[in-house]
Amino acid sequence: MPNPASKLLIDAARELIRELKPLRFSGPVSHVYLPTEYAWETHQQYLEKFGGGESGGRQKVLMLGMNPGPWGMSQTGVPFGEIPSVRDWMGISGPVDKPKNEHPKRPVEGFDCTRSEVSGRRLWGLFSEKFPNPEDFFKNHFVTNYCPLVWMGETGKNITPDKLSKAEMAPVEKACRKHLADVISALDPEWLIGVGAYAEKKLIETVKEFFPGREFNTGKILHPSPASPAANRGWEPQAEKQLVDMGVWK
């Protein structure tokens, strides 16, 4: 049975799917994936198992990523969802459906996918090294994404939200900020940590809109993407030092 907080997270995730599913996007977008829908079974497992920690209430640290990567959450439905981390450390697995309009260069193979999501390997690699038992990590931490949509062009290249028109992004932003506010309400975190500057910005915007007058400890860690030269110079020790320097970790 889901605990009270995870039930709120599941309800919020369902509502976000309902808001985002009907949206349509023009060029350069040719394909759009919504992993929380087609990988709902494993996404729900993640929320049920780890949302709300032990007590089913407050989790001290909420970490926010941007949107799914092609070989991580797009395959597993779990944020930064590098397959060995999700399957072997978190103990989450199950069937994953296909998106309705699948890009031939970005196939969804679920847990049969053999590609590695570098960002997820780095992020969950650090957390699993520090907390060999996942329950010890999720007792005080939760990781979610700002937006569950993935946009691709004809070549299969990822398209970032800043490349889309403001008019098309307006309903996405509205739904995602509301969902993030629901997650913050459900978990009542002390710390809001952006995985990268974009995610930190979204946390600050959401708090300003939905929690005026309320103070949270807000900060960011380096994004683990291989597109970041800094992250390729030893992401794990840098991120750990940032968390210690902020006072999130001792």
Foldseek 3Di string as FASTA:
>chain_A
DAFQLLVLLLVLLVVLCVLPVVADADPQFDDKDQLCVQLVVQLSVQSRVQGCAPVQFAAAEEEEEAEDDLQACSQHVAHLRFLCLCCPQVVTADDGGFPPDDQPVRGHPHSVDPDGSQLSCQVSVLVCVVPVHVSVVSNRYDYDYLAHMWTAGNVRDTDDPVVGDPVSCVSRLVSSLVSVVSSCVRHVYQEYEYADPVRLVSVVVSCVVPPPPDDHHYYYAHRCHPVDPVNVVPRSVRRVVVCVVSVVDD
